[in-house]
Protein backbone atom coordinates (compact mmCIF):
# COMPACT_ATOMS: atom_id res chain seq x y z
CA MET A 1 -35.89 5.07 4.40
CA GLU A 2 -35.12 6.92 7.61
CA HIS A 3 -33.71 3.71 9.07
CA ILE A 4 -31.13 3.54 6.27
CA TRP A 5 -29.85 6.98 7.28
CA GLU A 6 -30.01 6.01 10.93
CA PHE A 7 -27.78 2.98 10.32
CA ARG A 8 -25.58 4.65 7.69
CA VAL A 9 -22.38 4.08 9.70
CA LEU A 10 -23.09 0.36 10.06
CA LEU A 11 -24.00 0.08 6.38
CA LEU A 12 -20.83 1.93 5.35
CA GLN A 13 -18.78 -0.46 7.47
CA GLY A 14 -20.53 -3.34 5.70
CA ILE A 15 -19.67 -1.80 2.33
CA GLY A 16 -16.06 -1.44 3.46
CA TRP A 17 -15.86 -5.13 4.39
CA THR A 18 -17.39 -6.08 1.04
CA VAL A 19 -14.82 -4.05 -0.88
CA LEU A 20 -11.95 -5.37 1.24
CA VAL A 21 -13.02 -9.01 0.85
CA SER A 22 -13.46 -8.51 -2.92
CA ILE A 23 -10.02 -6.99 -3.48
CA CYS A 24 -8.14 -9.45 -1.23
CA SER A 25 -9.96 -12.40 -2.78
CA LEU A 26 -9.13 -11.11 -6.26
CA ILE A 27 -5.42 -10.91 -5.43
CA ILE A 28 -5.40 -14.46 -4.10
CA SER A 29 -7.39 -15.76 -7.08
CA VAL A 30 -4.93 -14.16 -9.53
CA ILE A 31 -2.01 -15.79 -7.72
CA PHE A 32 -3.74 -19.18 -7.80
CA GLY A 33 -4.68 -18.58 -11.45
CA LEU A 34 -1.15 -17.77 -12.57
CA PHE A 35 0.32 -20.80 -10.81
CA GLY A 36 -2.53 -22.95 -12.08
CA ALA A 37 -1.98 -21.83 -15.67
CA TRP A 38 1.75 -22.48 -15.28
CA GLY A 39 0.99 -25.99 -13.98
CA LYS A 40 -1.42 -26.77 -16.80
CA LEU A 41 0.84 -25.48 -19.54
CA GLY A 42 4.05 -26.90 -18.11
CA LYS A 43 5.57 -30.23 -18.96
CA HIS A 44 5.75 -31.58 -15.41
CA PRO A 45 3.22 -34.46 -15.16
CA LEU A 46 2.58 -34.01 -11.42
CA ALA A 47 1.86 -30.30 -11.84
CA ASN A 48 -0.51 -31.13 -14.72
CA LYS A 49 -2.44 -33.63 -12.61
CA VAL A 50 -2.66 -31.37 -9.56
CA THR A 51 -3.88 -28.31 -11.47
CA ASN A 52 -6.30 -30.34 -13.60
CA GLY A 53 -7.74 -31.89 -10.45
CA TYR A 54 -7.92 -28.46 -8.80
CA THR A 55 -9.91 -26.81 -11.59
CA THR A 56 -12.17 -29.82 -12.14
CA ILE A 57 -13.11 -30.29 -8.48
CA VAL A 58 -13.52 -26.62 -7.57
CA ARG A 59 -15.63 -25.76 -10.60
CA GLY A 60 -17.85 -28.76 -9.92
CA ILE A 61 -18.78 -27.84 -6.32
CA PRO A 62 -21.24 -25.05 -5.38
CA ASP A 63 -19.46 -22.04 -3.90
CA LEU A 64 -21.50 -22.06 -0.69
CA VAL A 65 -20.86 -25.76 -0.04
CA LEU A 66 -17.12 -25.32 -0.55
CA MET A 67 -17.04 -22.22 1.63
CA LEU A 68 -18.77 -23.97 4.54
CA LEU A 69 -16.64 -27.07 4.04
CA LEU A 70 -13.37 -25.15 4.14
CA PHE A 71 -14.47 -22.92 7.03
CA TYR A 72 -15.71 -25.63 9.36
CA GLY A 73 -13.83 -28.64 8.02
CA GLY A 74 -10.55 -26.79 7.57
CA GLN A 75 -10.67 -25.42 11.08
CA GLN A 76 -11.42 -28.85 12.53
CA LEU A 77 -8.60 -30.41 10.48
CA LEU A 78 -6.08 -27.84 11.74
CA ASN A 79 -7.10 -28.43 15.34
CA ASP A 80 -6.97 -32.22 14.93
CA ILE A 81 -3.44 -31.98 13.49
CA GLY A 82 -2.37 -29.65 16.28
CA LYS A 83 -3.84 -31.96 18.91
CA GLN A 84 -2.18 -35.06 17.48
CA THR A 85 1.23 -33.48 16.94
CA GLY A 86 1.25 -31.02 19.83
CA LEU A 87 2.66 -28.33 17.52
CA TRP A 88 -0.07 -25.78 18.31
CA LYS A 89 -3.10 -25.31 20.50
CA TYR A 90 -6.66 -24.51 19.47
CA VAL A 91 -6.84 -22.50 16.24
CA GLU A 92 -9.86 -20.38 15.38
CA ILE A 93 -10.12 -19.05 11.83
CA ASN A 94 -11.82 -15.65 11.73
CA GLN A 95 -14.60 -14.98 9.25
CA PHE A 96 -12.62 -12.49 7.16
CA ALA A 97 -9.68 -14.81 6.58
CA ALA A 98 -12.01 -17.73 5.85
CA ALA A 99 -14.04 -15.71 3.33
CA VAL A 100 -10.99 -14.30 1.54
CA MET A 101 -9.11 -17.58 1.32
CA THR A 102 -12.18 -19.55 0.24
CA ILE A 103 -13.36 -17.11 -2.43
CA GLY A 104 -9.79 -16.64 -3.67
CA PHE A 105 -9.30 -20.41 -3.82
CA ILE A 106 -12.58 -20.93 -5.70
CA PHE A 107 -12.02 -18.22 -8.29
CA GLY A 108 -8.40 -19.21 -8.68
CA ALA A 109 -9.75 -22.20 -10.63
CA TYR A 110 -11.62 -19.91 -13.02
CA MET A 111 -8.65 -17.56 -13.33
CA THR A 112 -6.49 -20.59 -14.17
CA GLU A 113 -8.57 -21.29 -17.25
CA THR A 114 -8.69 -17.59 -18.11
CA PHE A 115 -4.91 -17.20 -18.06
CA ARG A 116 -4.30 -20.57 -19.72
CA GLY A 117 -6.56 -19.68 -22.64
CA ALA A 118 -4.99 -16.23 -22.95
CA ILE A 119 -1.45 -17.63 -23.08
CA LEU A 120 -2.45 -20.25 -25.66
CA ALA A 121 -3.88 -17.46 -27.83
CA ILE A 122 -0.44 -15.85 -28.16
CA PRO A 123 1.20 -16.89 -31.46
CA HIS A 124 4.05 -19.24 -30.57
CA GLY A 125 6.17 -17.72 -33.31
CA GLN A 126 6.49 -14.51 -31.30
CA ILE A 127 7.97 -16.41 -28.37
CA GLU A 128 10.37 -18.21 -30.71
CA ALA A 129 11.36 -14.83 -32.16
CA GLY A 130 12.11 -13.56 -28.66
CA ILE A 131 14.33 -16.57 -28.01
CA ALA A 132 16.09 -16.02 -31.34
CA CYS A 133 16.77 -12.39 -30.35
CA GLY A 134 18.50 -13.59 -27.18
CA MET A 135 15.80 -12.60 -24.69
CA SER A 136 15.77 -14.25 -21.29
CA LYS A 137 12.66 -16.00 -19.98
CA GLY A 138 11.90 -12.98 -17.82
CA GLN A 139 12.17 -10.59 -20.76
CA ILE A 140 9.98 -12.81 -22.92
CA PHE A 141 7.34 -12.87 -20.19
CA ARG A 142 7.44 -9.09 -19.59
CA ARG A 143 7.66 -7.95 -23.22
CA ILE A 144 5.76 -10.61 -25.17
CA ILE A 145 3.61 -12.85 -22.99
CA TRP A 146 2.29 -10.47 -20.30
CA PRO A 147 0.97 -7.60 -22.51
CA GLN A 148 -0.82 -9.99 -24.85
CA MET A 149 -2.01 -12.28 -22.06
CA VAL A 150 -3.69 -9.31 -20.38
CA ARG A 151 -5.39 -8.32 -23.62
CA TYR A 152 -6.72 -11.80 -24.31
CA ALA A 153 -7.66 -12.45 -20.67
CA LEU A 154 -9.49 -9.19 -19.91
CA PRO A 155 -12.99 -10.19 -21.18
CA SER A 156 -13.03 -13.38 -19.11
CA PHE A 157 -11.22 -11.67 -16.22
CA THR A 158 -13.92 -8.99 -16.12
CA ASN A 159 -16.64 -11.60 -15.89
CA ASN A 160 -14.77 -13.47 -13.13
CA TRP A 161 -14.29 -10.26 -11.16
CA LEU A 162 -17.96 -9.29 -11.34
CA VAL A 163 -19.07 -12.76 -10.22
CA LEU A 164 -16.44 -12.79 -7.46
CA MET A 165 -17.65 -9.45 -6.16
CA LYS A 166 -21.23 -10.74 -5.92
CA THR A 167 -20.03 -13.99 -4.33
CA THR A 168 -18.75 -12.01 -1.34
CA ALA A 169 -22.39 -11.89 -0.21
CA LEU A 170 -22.00 -15.57 0.73
CA ALA A 171 -19.57 -14.51 3.44
CA SER A 172 -22.64 -13.44 5.43
CA VAL A 173 -23.33 -17.11 6.26
CA LEU A 174 -19.97 -17.21 8.06
CA GLY A 175 -20.99 -14.26 10.24
CA LEU A 176 -18.84 -11.65 8.51
CA GLN A 177 -20.60 -8.31 8.83
CA GLU A 178 -20.34 -7.27 5.20
CA LEU A 179 -23.08 -5.43 3.30
CA THR A 180 -25.50 -8.33 2.85
CA TYR A 181 -25.19 -9.42 6.49
CA VAL A 182 -25.86 -5.90 7.78
CA ALA A 183 -28.76 -5.32 5.37
CA ARG A 184 -30.45 -8.58 6.35
CA SER A 185 -29.90 -8.12 10.08
CA VAL A 186 -31.10 -4.53 10.32
CA GLY A 187 -33.92 -5.16 7.84
CA ALA A 188 -35.16 -8.11 9.90
CA LYS A 189 -35.08 -6.05 13.09
CA TYR A 190 -37.31 -3.33 11.66
CA ARG A 191 -39.25 -5.60 9.29
CA GLU A 192 -37.93 -3.68 6.30
CA GLN A 193 -36.07 -6.47 4.52
CA PHE A 194 -36.99 -5.16 1.09
CA THR A 195 -35.77 -1.62 1.82
CA PHE A 196 -32.37 -2.64 3.14
CA LEU A 197 -31.78 -5.39 0.59
CA PHE A 198 -32.79 -3.00 -2.18
CA PHE A 199 -30.16 -0.61 -0.83
CA ALA A 200 -27.60 -3.43 -1.03
CA LEU A 201 -28.75 -4.12 -4.59
CA ILE A 202 -28.11 -0.50 -5.58
CA VAL A 203 -24.63 -0.60 -4.00
CA TYR A 204 -23.71 -3.77 -5.92
CA LEU A 205 -24.98 -2.21 -9.16
CA ILE A 206 -22.79 0.85 -8.54
CA PHE A 207 -19.77 -1.36 -7.91
CA THR A 208 -20.52 -3.28 -11.10
CA ALA A 209 -20.85 -0.11 -13.18
CA ILE A 210 -17.57 1.32 -11.82
CA SER A 211 -15.77 -1.99 -12.42
CA GLU A 212 -17.03 -2.32 -15.96
CA TYR A 213 -16.03 1.26 -16.76
CA GLY A 214 -12.53 0.84 -15.34
CA LEU A 215 -11.91 -2.52 -17.01
CA ARG A 216 -13.28 -1.21 -20.31
CA ARG A 217 -10.73 1.61 -20.18
CA LEU A 218 -8.01 -0.93 -19.42
CA ASP A 219 -9.15 -3.06 -22.33
CA LYS A 220 -8.87 -0.06 -24.67
CA LYS A 221 -5.36 0.61 -23.40
CA TYR A 222 -4.17 -2.92 -24.13
CA ASN A 223 -5.92 -2.99 -27.50
CA VAL A 224 -4.40 0.19 -28.92
CA GLY A 225 -3.53 -0.43 -32.58
CA VAL A 226 -5.43 -3.74 -32.69
CA ARG A 227 -8.02 -4.01 -35.42
CA ARG A 228 -11.31 -5.43 -34.19
CA ALA A 229 -13.39 -7.60 -36.50
């Protein structure tokens, strides 16, 4: 245990990277999810096909495979395009950007289905009533769709967030020095893998407990006055 205290600064930096990757990936996944839900629910056939293909392909490929594919394959593709066109020189994608974009892209597919299901759960008569009252599309979204979409989406959103947060551990294979990477590296050096990985386990459990508490409070806020069966 003394080694954990000895490397506390390095472990805290790893925790900081984990939190930063989680939050940035969540923001990107929500953006992808909102646009994906819009594409699936819209009447434009091309948007329907693109978003359907996006969710089907992404959800059918293991996260680690897709992460490695996008990190190495995406970087090679960018450099090949730059070489052929002469528009840019060698491009190197850093581990943080690769992890955030990949995890955000992956969970954007799950958020798409979360938001799509939440919007479909809203009674269409309420939207028609808003139109009849002369509301603009923006007002209908802010006053009718958004509050109810959040309420219906929160259970699935919570699950997606918890899985996303744990998926950040895969960023260690890219060389990003987040919590799992630091725990494995230092643990291997001192032959105390169990001790350091158990410390990482406790940290993830704390993050999970805090997240569940916060999202449960948010769920209560958006369900004020709603009778539960």
